[in-house]
Amino acid sequence: ITLAFTRGHVTVVDATADDHDVWRSDAGFDRELGAGGWHHCSVRRLSRKANKDDLRSAEPFIFHSEKVLRWPASQWTRTYLAKTYGLHHVMPRSPQVLARQVPSKSENGGSLPFGDFITEPTHAIFDRSSTLNSLVDKMFDDGEFAKLSPFKSTTYDQNCLSVGPSQEGFPAHLHGKTWQAQVIGRKLWILAPAHGLPGALELANPVHLAQQYLAPNSTDITKTGKTLSGDLRHCIAEPGDVIWFPDYWWHATVSIGESIGVGGERTAFDRTSLLKSANQELKKEPGNRNYKLLETAGEASHDIETL
């Protein structure tokens, strides 16, 4: 589960303060993204639901699913979540930390009731199947959402939930193949292959990436941005949309209004497969940042010299 909350931005909302259960949109930020060129989707969009053949692709894709819109999760309200799961504790962390470290079942770095976050979203928390007393697994067991075909295999060993306020998201990071269904609100995804992300972008605020650095229509884009533009994929996920990307793709996200997504990801890897993938990326672009793949495997620096 991923939840990213902040007070760092002034957000224009289309709901009144008294309308507690209306998920807030952000028309002003949406117009800004549209002017920047982000409304055009460069991720391959399927005209049907995905199948197993699509999972052999080396490129991300997105499709619309009516099944997602029929999930109980697509009907969530703030009151329902606070009442049903409000006492369940979650673990607060900053988005920058969560993008690079997953709180595990053995970690106890502090927790707070989920209801405190969903009622007044002001923090970042992360919770998925590997987290202590996982909230997302309880939601899955309660039938709030389900694994979609063709993502039912044990390859996707972690359930995940992503919730965030407008103009907040996660900086670029990579891990195993992932699928995520958008159930509430909208979210901008920015993706690049393992060899396609300059180091400067790894720690960049995703809102700044969307507003200035990588905006498709920007006339002030940097040289690094121009170099990267051929490798970038981006798309805005609407309610009912499902996005998928292969192993080791960089991805950053930005919520457009309040946003909730659910899905699954792969985190279990063996050393041999990671080294093989790093070697393949090195052949594509000698000198690229393969250490990220090795870092995921917990490998030492001598493995980089071996590659």
C-alpha atoms as a PDB file:
ATOM      1  CA  ILE A   1       0.000   0.000   0.000  1.00  0.00           C
ATOM      2  CA  THR A   2       1.331   3.372  -0.685  1.00  0.00           C
ATOM      3  CA  LEU A   3      -0.064   6.575   0.758  1.00  0.00           C
ATOM      4  CA  ALA A   4       1.577   9.963   0.117  1.00  0.00           C
ATOM      5  CA  PHE A   5       0.223  13.085   1.783  1.00  0.00           C
ATOM      6  CA  THR A   6       1.527  16.659   2.100  1.00  0.00           C
ATOM      7  CA  ARG A   7       0.633  20.230   3.038  1.00  0.00           C
ATOM      8  CA  GLY A   8       3.393  21.548   0.790  1.00  0.00           C
ATOM      9  CA  HIS A   9       1.180  22.649  -2.124  1.00  0.00           C
ATOM     10  CA  VAL A  10      -1.786  24.965  -2.467  1.00  0.00           C
ATOM     11  CA  THR A  11      -4.489  22.811  -4.056  1.00  0.00           C
ATOM     12  CA  VAL A  12      -7.642  24.067  -5.764  1.00  0.00           C
ATOM     13  CA  VAL A  13     -10.424  21.631  -4.913  1.00  0.00           C
ATOM     14  CA  ASP A  14     -13.866  21.209  -6.416  1.00  0.00           C
ATOM     15  CA  ALA A  15     -15.548  20.131  -3.197  1.00  0.00           C
ATOM     16  CA  THR A  16     -16.552  22.204  -0.178  1.00  0.00           C
ATOM     17  CA  ALA A  17     -15.000  21.609   3.218  1.00  0.00           C
ATOM     18  CA  ASP A  18     -18.353  20.357   4.525  1.00  0.00           C
ATOM     19  CA  ASP A  19     -18.699  17.806   1.723  1.00  0.00           C
ATOM     20  CA  HIS A  20     -16.530  15.341   3.626  1.00  0.00           C
ATOM     21  CA  ASP A  21     -17.139  12.244   1.514  1.00  0.00           C
ATOM     22  CA  VAL A  22     -16.495  13.817  -1.895  1.00  0.00           C
ATOM     23  CA  TRP A  23     -13.010  12.971  -3.126  1.00  0.00           C
ATOM     24  CA  ARG A  24     -11.445  16.298  -4.059  1.00  0.00           C
ATOM     25  CA  SER A  25     -10.410  16.991  -7.639  1.00  0.00           C
ATOM     26  CA  ASP A  26      -7.914  19.646  -8.722  1.00  0.00           C
ATOM     27  CA  ALA A  27      -9.062  21.460 -11.875  1.00  0.00           C
ATOM     28  CA  GLY A  28      -6.269  24.048 -11.763  1.00  0.00           C
ATOM     29  CA  PHE A  29      -3.470  21.464 -11.629  1.00  0.00           C
ATOM     30  CA  ASP A  30      -5.211  19.415 -14.333  1.00  0.00           C
ATOM     31  CA  ARG A  31      -5.283  22.444 -16.650  1.00  0.00           C
ATOM     32  CA  GLU A  32      -1.599  23.030 -15.961  1.00  0.00           C
ATOM     33  CA  LEU A  33      -0.762  19.435 -16.901  1.00  0.00           C
ATOM     34  CA  GLY A  34      -2.894  19.731 -20.034  1.00  0.00           C
ATOM     35  CA  ALA A  35      -1.028  22.840 -21.121  1.00  0.00           C
ATOM     36  CA  GLY A  36       2.231  20.978 -20.550  1.00  0.00           C
ATOM     37  CA  GLY A  37       1.179  18.184 -22.905  1.00  0.00           C
ATOM     38  CA  TRP A  38       0.581  15.444 -20.345  1.00  0.00           C
ATOM     39  CA  HIS A  39      -3.004  14.718 -21.417  1.00  0.00           C
ATOM     40  CA  HIS A  40      -1.678  12.867 -24.462  1.00  0.00           C
ATOM     41  CA  CYS A  41      -0.944   9.230 -23.472  1.00  0.00           C
ATOM     42  CA  SER A  42       2.272   7.738 -24.865  1.00  0.00           C
ATOM     43  CA  VAL A  43       1.791   4.383 -23.106  1.00  0.00           C
ATOM     44  CA  ARG A  44       0.313   1.708 -25.413  1.00  0.00           C
ATOM     45  CA  ARG A  45      -3.444   1.635 -24.750  1.00  0.00           C
ATOM     46  CA  LEU A  46      -5.212  -1.664 -25.364  1.00  0.00           C
ATOM     47  CA  SER A  47      -8.734  -1.575 -26.807  1.00  0.00           C
ATOM     48  CA  ARG A  48      -9.609  -4.702 -24.790  1.00  0.00           C
ATOM     49  CA  LYS A  49      -8.648  -6.248 -21.471  1.00  0.00           C
ATOM     50  CA  ALA A  50      -5.112  -7.593 -21.208  1.00  0.00           C
ATOM     51  CA  ASN A  51      -4.248 -11.268 -21.744  1.00  0.00           C
ATOM     52  CA  LYS A  52      -1.209 -13.455 -21.039  1.00  0.00           C
ATOM     53  CA  ASP A  53       0.332 -12.664 -24.423  1.00  0.00           C
ATOM     54  CA  ASP A  54       0.428  -8.974 -23.491  1.00  0.00           C
ATOM     55  CA  LEU A  55       2.593  -9.821 -20.463  1.00  0.00           C
ATOM     56  CA  ARG A  56       5.403 -10.916 -22.791  1.00  0.00           C
ATOM     57  CA  SER A  57       5.762  -7.307 -23.888  1.00  0.00           C
ATOM     58  CA  ALA A  58       8.889  -5.336 -23.084  1.00  0.00           C
ATOM     59  CA  GLU A  59       6.812  -2.142 -22.968  1.00  0.00           C
ATOM     60  CA  PRO A  60       4.201  -0.902 -20.461  1.00  0.00           C
ATOM     61  CA  PHE A  61       0.513  -0.807 -21.401  1.00  0.00           C
ATOM     62  CA  ILE A  62      -2.806   0.477 -20.049  1.00  0.00           C
ATOM     63  CA  PHE A  63      -6.403  -0.670 -20.559  1.00  0.00           C
ATOM     64  CA  HIS A  64      -9.878   0.038 -19.185  1.00  0.00           C
ATOM     65  CA  SER A  65     -11.694  -2.551 -17.057  1.00  0.00           C
ATOM     66  CA  GLU A  66     -15.398  -2.435 -16.227  1.00  0.00           C
ATOM     67  CA  LYS A  67     -14.709  -5.129 -13.616  1.00  0.00           C
ATOM     68  CA  VAL A  68     -12.633  -2.622 -11.643  1.00  0.00           C
ATOM     69  CA  LEU A  69     -15.562  -0.195 -11.586  1.00  0.00           C
ATOM     70  CA  ARG A  70     -17.696  -2.942 -10.019  1.00  0.00           C
ATOM     71  CA  TRP A  71     -15.287  -3.556  -7.139  1.00  0.00           C
ATOM     72  CA  PRO A  72     -16.373  -2.331  -3.680  1.00  0.00           C
ATOM     73  CA  ALA A  73     -13.109  -0.353  -3.655  1.00  0.00           C
ATOM     74  CA  SER A  74     -14.390   1.812  -6.510  1.00  0.00           C
ATOM     75  CA  GLN A  75     -17.257   2.902  -4.226  1.00  0.00           C
ATOM     76  CA  TRP A  76     -15.093   3.779  -1.218  1.00  0.00           C
ATOM     77  CA  THR A  77     -15.895   6.930   0.721  1.00  0.00           C
ATOM     78  CA  ARG A  78     -13.750   8.607   3.347  1.00  0.00           C
ATOM     79  CA  THR A  79     -16.332   7.806   6.022  1.00  0.00           C
ATOM     80  CA  TYR A  80     -16.455   4.121   5.062  1.00  0.00           C
ATOM     81  CA  LEU A  81     -12.671   3.715   5.121  1.00  0.00           C
ATOM     82  CA  ALA A  82     -12.344   5.517   8.457  1.00  0.00           C
ATOM     83  CA  LYS A  83     -15.144   3.451   9.993  1.00  0.00           C
ATOM     84  CA  THR A  84     -14.080   0.080   8.582  1.00  0.00           C
ATOM     85  CA  TYR A  85     -10.280   0.318   8.706  1.00  0.00           C
ATOM     86  CA  GLY A  86      -9.632   3.416  10.803  1.00  0.00           C
ATOM     87  CA  LEU A  87      -8.213   1.556  13.818  1.00  0.00           C
ATOM     88  CA  HIS A  88      -5.777  -0.460  11.721  1.00  0.00           C
ATOM     89  CA  HIS A  89      -2.257   0.880  12.225  1.00  0.00           C
ATOM     90  CA  VAL A  90      -0.037   1.889   9.323  1.00  0.00           C
ATOM     91  CA  MET A  91       3.614   2.955   9.192  1.00  0.00           C
ATOM     92  CA  PRO A  92       4.365   6.607   8.252  1.00  0.00           C
ATOM     93  CA  ARG A  93       7.413   7.308   6.066  1.00  0.00           C
ATOM     94  CA  SER A  94       8.379  10.030   3.586  1.00  0.00           C
ATOM     95  CA  PRO A  95       7.772   9.351  -0.146  1.00  0.00           C
ATOM     96  CA  GLN A  96      11.535   9.625  -0.768  1.00  0.00           C
ATOM     97  CA  VAL A  97      12.192   6.869   1.784  1.00  0.00           C
ATOM     98  CA  LEU A  98       9.298   4.689   0.665  1.00  0.00           C
ATOM     99  CA  ALA A  99      10.468   4.803  -2.950  1.00  0.00           C
ATOM    100  CA  ARG A 100      13.681   3.075  -1.867  1.00  0.00           C
ATOM    101  CA  GLN A 101      12.890   1.073   1.245  1.00  0.00           C
ATOM    102  CA  VAL A 102       9.911  -1.156   1.983  1.00  0.00           C
ATOM    103  CA  PRO A 103       8.918  -1.385   5.672  1.00  0.00           C
ATOM    104  CA  SER A 104       9.048  -5.098   6.475  1.00  0.00           C
ATOM    105  CA  LYS A 105       7.158  -7.280   8.936  1.00  0.00           C
ATOM    106  CA  SER A 106      10.201  -7.242  11.226  1.00  0.00           C
ATOM    107  CA  GLU A 107      10.401  -3.433  11.366  1.00  0.00           C
ATOM    108  CA  ASN A 108       8.629  -1.326  13.964  1.00  0.00           C
ATOM    109  CA  GLY A 109       9.596   2.250  13.209  1.00  0.00           C
ATOM    110  CA  GLY A 110       6.372   3.733  14.514  1.00  0.00           C
ATOM    111  CA  SER A 111       2.751   3.498  13.399  1.00  0.00           C
ATOM    112  CA  LEU A 112      -0.486   5.486  13.500  1.00  0.00           C
ATOM    113  CA  PRO A 113      -4.181   4.633  12.921  1.00  0.00           C
ATOM    114  CA  PHE A 114      -5.185   4.606   9.249  1.00  0.00           C
ATOM    115  CA  GLY A 115      -8.249   6.703  10.141  1.00  0.00           C
ATOM    116  CA  ASP A 116      -6.015   9.633  11.113  1.00  0.00           C
ATOM    117  CA  PHE A 117      -4.538   9.665   7.613  1.00  0.00           C
ATOM    118  CA  ILE A 118      -7.658   9.198   5.556  1.00  0.00           C
ATOM    119  CA  THR A 119      -9.592  11.846   7.507  1.00  0.00           C
ATOM    120  CA  GLU A 120      -6.868  14.506   7.396  1.00  0.00           C
ATOM    121  CA  PRO A 121      -4.273  13.385   4.843  1.00  0.00           C
ATOM    122  CA  THR A 122      -1.051  15.110   5.859  1.00  0.00           C
ATOM    123  CA  HIS A 123       1.613  12.378   5.864  1.00  0.00           C
ATOM    124  CA  ALA A 124       3.123   9.577   3.805  1.00  0.00           C
ATOM    125  CA  ILE A 125       2.643   5.927   4.720  1.00  0.00           C
ATOM    126  CA  PHE A 126       3.431   2.682   2.918  1.00  0.00           C
ATOM    127  CA  ASP A 127       1.789  -0.654   3.521  1.00  0.00           C
ATOM    128  CA  ARG A 128       1.828  -3.759   1.351  1.00  0.00           C
ATOM    129  CA  SER A 129       1.837  -7.501   1.919  1.00  0.00           C
ATOM    130  CA  SER A 130       5.319  -7.503   3.459  1.00  0.00           C
ATOM    131  CA  THR A 131       4.396  -4.849   6.035  1.00  0.00           C
ATOM    132  CA  LEU A 132       3.690  -5.680   9.668  1.00  0.00           C
ATOM    133  CA  ASN A 133      -0.068  -6.399  10.090  1.00  0.00           C
ATOM    134  CA  SER A 134      -0.685  -5.501   6.442  1.00  0.00           C
ATOM    135  CA  LEU A 135      -3.801  -3.375   5.890  1.00  0.00           C
ATOM    136  CA  VAL A 136      -3.948  -4.067   2.165  1.00  0.00           C
ATOM    137  CA  ASP A 137      -4.072  -7.830   2.716  1.00  0.00           C
ATOM    138  CA  LYS A 138      -7.016  -7.361   5.068  1.00  0.00           C
ATOM    139  CA  MET A 139      -8.806  -5.285   2.426  1.00  0.00           C
ATOM    140  CA  PHE A 140      -8.074  -7.991  -0.145  1.00  0.00           C
ATOM    141  CA  ASP A 141      -9.369 -10.726   2.190  1.00  0.00           C
ATOM    142  CA  ASP A 142     -12.494  -8.651   2.817  1.00  0.00           C
ATOM    143  CA  GLY A 143     -13.215  -8.649  -0.930  1.00  0.00           C
ATOM    144  CA  GLU A 144     -12.707  -4.896  -1.441  1.00  0.00           C
ATOM    145  CA  PHE A 145     -10.777  -5.706  -4.631  1.00  0.00           C
ATOM    146  CA  ALA A 146      -9.466  -8.813  -6.408  1.00  0.00           C
ATOM    147  CA  LYS A 147      -6.597  -9.883  -8.607  1.00  0.00           C
ATOM    148  CA  LEU A 148      -7.392  -9.317 -12.263  1.00  0.00           C
ATOM    149  CA  SER A 149      -6.681 -11.680 -15.128  1.00  0.00           C
ATOM    150  CA  PRO A 150      -3.960 -12.043 -16.309  1.00  0.00           C
ATOM    151  CA  PHE A 151      -2.271 -10.909 -13.063  1.00  0.00           C
ATOM    152  CA  LYS A 152      -3.398 -13.807 -10.860  1.00  0.00           C
ATOM    153  CA  SER A 153      -0.113 -15.728 -10.881  1.00  0.00           C
ATOM    154  CA  THR A 154       2.126 -15.935  -7.826  1.00  0.00           C
ATOM    155  CA  THR A 155       4.617 -13.763  -9.742  1.00  0.00           C
ATOM    156  CA  TYR A 156       2.892 -10.744  -8.173  1.00  0.00           C
ATOM    157  CA  ASP A 157       3.751 -11.648  -4.589  1.00  0.00           C
ATOM    158  CA  GLN A 158       2.689  -8.347  -3.005  1.00  0.00           C
ATOM    159  CA  ASN A 159      -0.739  -6.711  -2.868  1.00  0.00           C
ATOM    160  CA  CYS A 160      -0.454  -2.921  -2.842  1.00  0.00           C
ATOM    161  CA  LEU A 161      -2.679   0.103  -2.242  1.00  0.00           C
ATOM    162  CA  SER A 162      -1.813   3.666  -3.241  1.00  0.00           C
ATOM    163  CA  VAL A 163      -3.613   6.701  -1.783  1.00  0.00           C
ATOM    164  CA  GLY A 164      -2.553  10.318  -2.064  1.00  0.00           C
ATOM    165  CA  PRO A 165      -3.699  13.933  -2.102  1.00  0.00           C
ATOM    166  CA  SER A 166      -3.380  16.147  -5.157  1.00  0.00           C
ATOM    167  CA  GLN A 167       0.077  17.198  -6.392  1.00  0.00           C
ATOM    168  CA  GLU A 168       1.810  14.492  -4.397  1.00  0.00           C
ATOM    169  CA  GLY A 169       3.438  11.297  -5.538  1.00  0.00           C
ATOM    170  CA  PHE A 170       6.554   9.183  -5.524  1.00  0.00           C
ATOM    171  CA  PRO A 171       9.916  10.070  -7.086  1.00  0.00           C
ATOM    172  CA  ALA A 172      11.342   7.793  -9.773  1.00  0.00           C
ATOM    173  CA  HIS A 173      12.192   4.311  -8.511  1.00  0.00           C
ATOM    174  CA  LEU A 174      12.231   0.784  -9.902  1.00  0.00           C
ATOM    175  CA  HIS A 175      11.311  -2.747  -8.817  1.00  0.00           C
ATOM    176  CA  GLY A 176       9.599  -5.798 -10.274  1.00  0.00           C
ATOM    177  CA  LYS A 177       6.710  -5.912 -12.723  1.00  0.00           C
ATOM    178  CA  THR A 178       3.620  -4.147 -11.422  1.00  0.00           C
ATOM    179  CA  TRP A 179      -0.068  -3.755 -12.212  1.00  0.00           C
ATOM    180  CA  GLN A 180      -2.254  -1.082 -10.641  1.00  0.00           C
ATOM    181  CA  ALA A 181      -5.951  -0.323 -11.112  1.00  0.00           C
ATOM    182  CA  GLN A 182      -7.178   3.239 -10.569  1.00  0.00           C
ATOM    183  CA  VAL A 183     -10.323   3.135  -8.398  1.00  0.00           C
ATOM    184  CA  ILE A 184     -10.697   6.750  -7.210  1.00  0.00           C
ATOM    185  CA  GLY A 185      -9.498   9.944  -8.883  1.00  0.00           C
ATOM    186  CA  ARG A 186      -6.721  10.254 -11.458  1.00  0.00           C
ATOM    187  CA  LYS A 187      -2.967   9.754 -11.496  1.00  0.00           C
ATOM    188  CA  LEU A 188      -0.148  10.720 -13.868  1.00  0.00           C
ATOM    189  CA  TRP A 189       2.425   7.976 -14.489  1.00  0.00           C
ATOM    190  CA  ILE A 190       5.901   8.780 -15.862  1.00  0.00           C
ATOM    191  CA  LEU A 191       7.904   5.696 -16.891  1.00  0.00           C
ATOM    192  CA  ALA A 192      11.330   4.942 -18.393  1.00  0.00           C
ATOM    193  CA  PRO A 193      13.263   1.707 -19.029  1.00  0.00           C
ATOM    194  CA  ALA A 194      16.099   0.692 -16.698  1.00  0.00           C
ATOM    195  CA  HIS A 195      18.755   2.263 -18.941  1.00  0.00           C
ATOM    196  CA  GLY A 196      16.782   5.437 -19.647  1.00  0.00           C
ATOM    197  CA  LEU A 197      16.814   7.581 -16.500  1.00  0.00           C
ATOM    198  CA  PRO A 198      19.600  10.139 -15.845  1.00  0.00           C
ATOM    199  CA  GLY A 199      20.800  10.223 -12.258  1.00  0.00           C
ATOM    200  CA  ALA A 200      19.500  13.749 -11.678  1.00  0.00           C
ATOM    201  CA  LEU A 201      15.911  12.578 -12.084  1.00  0.00           C
ATOM    202  CA  GLU A 202      16.064   9.811  -9.503  1.00  0.00           C
ATOM    203  CA  LEU A 203      15.657  12.152  -6.533  1.00  0.00           C
ATOM    204  CA  ALA A 204      13.617  14.854  -8.273  1.00  0.00           C
ATOM    205  CA  ASN A 205      10.219  15.855  -6.931  1.00  0.00           C
ATOM    206  CA  PRO A 206       7.697  14.257  -9.334  1.00  0.00           C
ATOM    207  CA  VAL A 207       5.555  17.417  -9.394  1.00  0.00           C
ATOM    208  CA  HIS A 208       8.557  19.426 -10.605  1.00  0.00           C
ATOM    209  CA  LEU A 209       9.199  16.770 -13.254  1.00  0.00           C
ATOM    210  CA  ALA A 210       5.615  17.145 -14.480  1.00  0.00           C
ATOM    211  CA  GLN A 211       5.486  20.946 -14.287  1.00  0.00           C
ATOM    212  CA  GLN A 212       8.857  21.866 -15.781  1.00  0.00           C
ATOM    213  CA  TYR A 213      11.617  19.359 -16.340  1.00  0.00           C
ATOM    214  CA  LEU A 214       9.877  16.738 -18.497  1.00  0.00           C
ATOM    215  CA  ALA A 215       6.720  18.481 -19.692  1.00  0.00           C
ATOM    216  CA  PRO A 216       6.239  17.381 -23.350  1.00  0.00           C
ATOM    217  CA  ASN A 217       5.285  20.904 -24.482  1.00  0.00           C
ATOM    218  CA  SER A 218       7.916  22.703 -22.430  1.00  0.00           C
ATOM    219  CA  THR A 219      10.073  25.231 -24.335  1.00  0.00           C
ATOM    220  CA  ASP A 220      12.500  25.368 -21.414  1.00  0.00           C
ATOM    221  CA  ILE A 221      13.283  21.644 -21.239  1.00  0.00           C
ATOM    222  CA  THR A 222      16.869  20.794 -20.302  1.00  0.00           C
ATOM    223  CA  LYS A 223      19.422  18.978 -22.431  1.00  0.00           C
ATOM    224  CA  THR A 224      19.064  15.934 -20.197  1.00  0.00           C
ATOM    225  CA  GLY A 225      15.313  16.062 -20.650  1.00  0.00           C
ATOM    226  CA  LYS A 226      15.693  16.142 -24.436  1.00  0.00           C
ATOM    227  CA  THR A 227      18.006  13.149 -24.299  1.00  0.00           C
ATOM    228  CA  LEU A 228      15.498  11.261 -22.192  1.00  0.00           C
ATOM    229  CA  SER A 229      12.386  12.192 -24.156  1.00  0.00           C
ATOM    230  CA  GLY A 230      12.699   9.264 -26.559  1.00  0.00           C
ATOM    231  CA  ASP A 231      12.671   6.753 -23.690  1.00  0.00           C
ATOM    232  CA  LEU A 232       9.835   8.282 -21.662  1.00  0.00           C
ATOM    233  CA  ARG A 233       6.317   6.883 -21.500  1.00  0.00           C
ATOM    234  CA  HIS A 234       3.500   8.733 -19.714  1.00  0.00           C
ATOM    235  CA  CYS A 235      -0.220   8.414 -19.208  1.00  0.00           C
ATOM    236  CA  ILE A 236      -2.977   9.644 -16.905  1.00  0.00           C
ATOM    237  CA  ALA A 237      -4.918   6.762 -15.333  1.00  0.00           C
ATOM    238  CA  GLU A 238      -8.661   7.393 -14.993  1.00  0.00           C
ATOM    239  CA  PRO A 239     -11.083   5.397 -12.755  1.00  0.00           C
ATOM    240  CA  GLY A 240     -11.290   1.864 -14.154  1.00  0.00           C
ATOM    241  CA  ASP A 241      -7.937   2.078 -15.945  1.00  0.00           C
ATOM    242  CA  VAL A 242      -5.297  -0.586 -15.267  1.00  0.00           C
ATOM    243  CA  ILE A 243      -1.612   0.101 -15.954  1.00  0.00           C
ATOM    244  CA  TRP A 244       1.134  -2.547 -16.204  1.00  0.00           C
ATOM    245  CA  PHE A 245       4.890  -2.295 -16.660  1.00  0.00           C
ATOM    246  CA  PRO A 246       7.678  -4.934 -16.881  1.00  0.00           C
ATOM    247  CA  ASP A 247      10.507  -5.645 -14.446  1.00  0.00           C
ATOM    248  CA  TYR A 248      12.929  -2.827 -13.658  1.00  0.00           C
ATOM    249  CA  TRP A 249      11.062   0.068 -15.286  1.00  0.00           C
ATOM    250  CA  TRP A 250      11.555   3.427 -13.604  1.00  0.00           C
ATOM    251  CA  HIS A 251       8.266   5.026 -12.598  1.00  0.00           C
ATOM    252  CA  ALA A 252       7.191   8.242 -10.883  1.00  0.00           C
ATOM    253  CA  THR A 253       3.612   9.201 -10.017  1.00  0.00           C
ATOM    254  CA  VAL A 254       1.649  12.395  -9.386  1.00  0.00           C
ATOM    255  CA  SER A 255      -1.947  12.464  -8.088  1.00  0.00           C
ATOM    256  CA  ILE A 256      -4.362  14.812  -9.880  1.00  0.00           C
ATOM    257  CA  GLY A 257      -6.839  15.450  -7.101  1.00  0.00           C
ATOM    258  CA  GLU A 258      -7.184  12.795  -4.420  1.00  0.00           C
ATOM    259  CA  SER A 259      -6.276   9.410  -5.850  1.00  0.00           C
ATOM    260  CA  ILE A 260      -6.575   5.735  -4.859  1.00  0.00           C
ATOM    261  CA  GLY A 261      -5.171   2.744  -6.731  1.00  0.00           C
ATOM    262  CA  VAL A 262      -4.890  -0.965  -5.889  1.00  0.00           C
ATOM    263  CA  GLY A 263      -2.897  -3.750  -7.480  1.00  0.00           C
ATOM    264  CA  GLY A 264       0.100  -6.019  -7.140  1.00  0.00           C
ATOM    265  CA  GLU A 265       3.828  -6.108  -7.753  1.00  0.00           C
ATOM    266  CA  ARG A 266       6.714  -8.522  -7.943  1.00  0.00           C
ATOM    267  CA  THR A 267       9.398  -8.252  -5.262  1.00  0.00           C
ATOM    268  CA  ALA A 268      10.831 -11.784  -5.151  1.00  0.00           C
ATOM    269  CA  PHE A 269      13.970 -12.194  -7.300  1.00  0.00           C
ATOM    270  CA  ASP A 270      16.927 -14.517  -7.371  1.00  0.00           C
ATOM    271  CA  ARG A 271      20.494 -13.277  -7.756  1.00  0.00           C
ATOM    272  CA  THR A 272      21.013 -14.918 -11.157  1.00  0.00           C
ATOM    273  CA  SER A 273      17.988 -13.259 -12.806  1.00  0.00           C
ATOM    274  CA  LEU A 274      18.987  -9.824 -11.504  1.00  0.00           C
ATOM    275  CA  LEU A 275      22.549 -10.133 -12.754  1.00  0.00           C
ATOM    276  CA  LYS A 276      21.263 -11.354 -16.126  1.00  0.00           C
ATOM    277  CA  SER A 277      18.952  -8.350 -16.426  1.00  0.00           C
ATOM    278  CA  ALA A 278      21.742  -5.954 -15.441  1.00  0.00           C
ATOM    279  CA  ASN A 279      24.004  -7.497 -18.072  1.00  0.00           C
ATOM    280  CA  GLN A 280      21.310  -7.076 -20.751  1.00  0.00           C
ATOM    281  CA  GLU A 281      20.893  -3.406 -19.866  1.00  0.00           C
ATOM    282  CA  LEU A 282      24.660  -2.892 -19.920  1.00  0.00           C
ATOM    283  CA  LYS A 283      24.779  -4.237 -23.491  1.00  0.00           C
ATOM    284  CA  LYS A 284      22.070  -1.763 -24.520  1.00  0.00           C
ATOM    285  CA  GLU A 285      23.947   1.213 -23.094  1.00  0.00           C
ATOM    286  CA  PRO A 286      27.505   0.705 -21.748  1.00  0.00           C
ATOM    287  CA  GLY A 287      28.143   2.680 -18.601  1.00  0.00           C
ATOM    288  CA  ASN A 288      24.502   3.020 -17.592  1.00  0.00           C
ATOM    289  CA  ARG A 289      23.266   2.839 -14.038  1.00  0.00           C
ATOM    290  CA  ASN A 290      22.948  -0.926 -13.624  1.00  0.00           C
ATOM    291  CA  TYR A 291      23.942  -0.655 -10.005  1.00  0.00           C
ATOM    292  CA  LYS A 292      20.241  -0.163  -9.234  1.00  0.00           C
ATOM    293  CA  LEU A 293      19.524  -3.736 -10.316  1.00  0.00           C
ATOM    294  CA  LEU A 294      22.447  -4.980  -8.275  1.00  0.00           C
ATOM    295  CA  GLU A 295      21.370  -2.879  -5.324  1.00  0.00           C
ATOM    296  CA  THR A 296      17.974  -4.568  -5.471  1.00  0.00           C
ATOM    297  CA  ALA A 297      19.717  -7.944  -5.258  1.00  0.00           C
ATOM    298  CA  GLY A 298      21.889  -6.768  -2.383  1.00  0.00           C
ATOM    299  CA  GLU A 299      25.024  -7.383  -4.442  1.00  0.00           C
ATOM    300  CA  ALA A 300      28.448  -5.921  -3.712  1.00  0.00           C
ATOM    301  CA  SER A 301      30.365  -3.478  -5.892  1.00  0.00           C
ATOM    302  CA  HIS A 302      32.622  -6.225  -7.298  1.00  0.00           C
ATOM    303  CA  ASP A 303      29.616  -7.525  -9.276  1.00  0.00           C
ATOM    304  CA  ILE A 304      29.515  -4.231 -11.180  1.00  0.00           C
ATOM    305  CA  GLU A 305      33.188  -4.783 -12.111  1.00  0.00           C
ATOM    306  CA  THR A 306      32.336  -8.337 -13.198  1.00  0.00           C
ATOM    307  CA  LEU A 307      29.629  -7.008 -15.563  1.00  0.00           C
END
